């Protein structure tokens, strides 16, 4: 497994921006596709977006498409979630997650939590109206 630590959450007004970071431990980061999920109070976990191992392919939930961007820096073992034009309904705890390590081949972007094997502790994002 890989240890993940998120940071960058906070309180922002509607229309503002935040960038979340997720740093992974160990040497397997570049071999893992990554994803971001969020959980709002009283709601189930929601897929936000995913990125493949090389960083040249991403997928997003319809609710964030065009506003959020996922990127990664394999040299820094870090995946980012740039969030622009934030809305109050984006308020949630945001989690990054790692899929199983792969040396070769590609898989479709994972949109279900069950496809991920390691999770960070989460970072709170609150968007005020």
Foldseek 3Di string as FASTA:
>chain_A
DKAKAKDWADEEAAQAKIKMKIAIDDDQLLQWKKFKWWDDPPGDIFGAKIAHSVFPDMDGDPVQPPFWDWGDDSVRRMIMIIGGRDDQVVWTWMKMFIADGDDDDDDPTDGDPVRTDYMYPTDTHGYHD
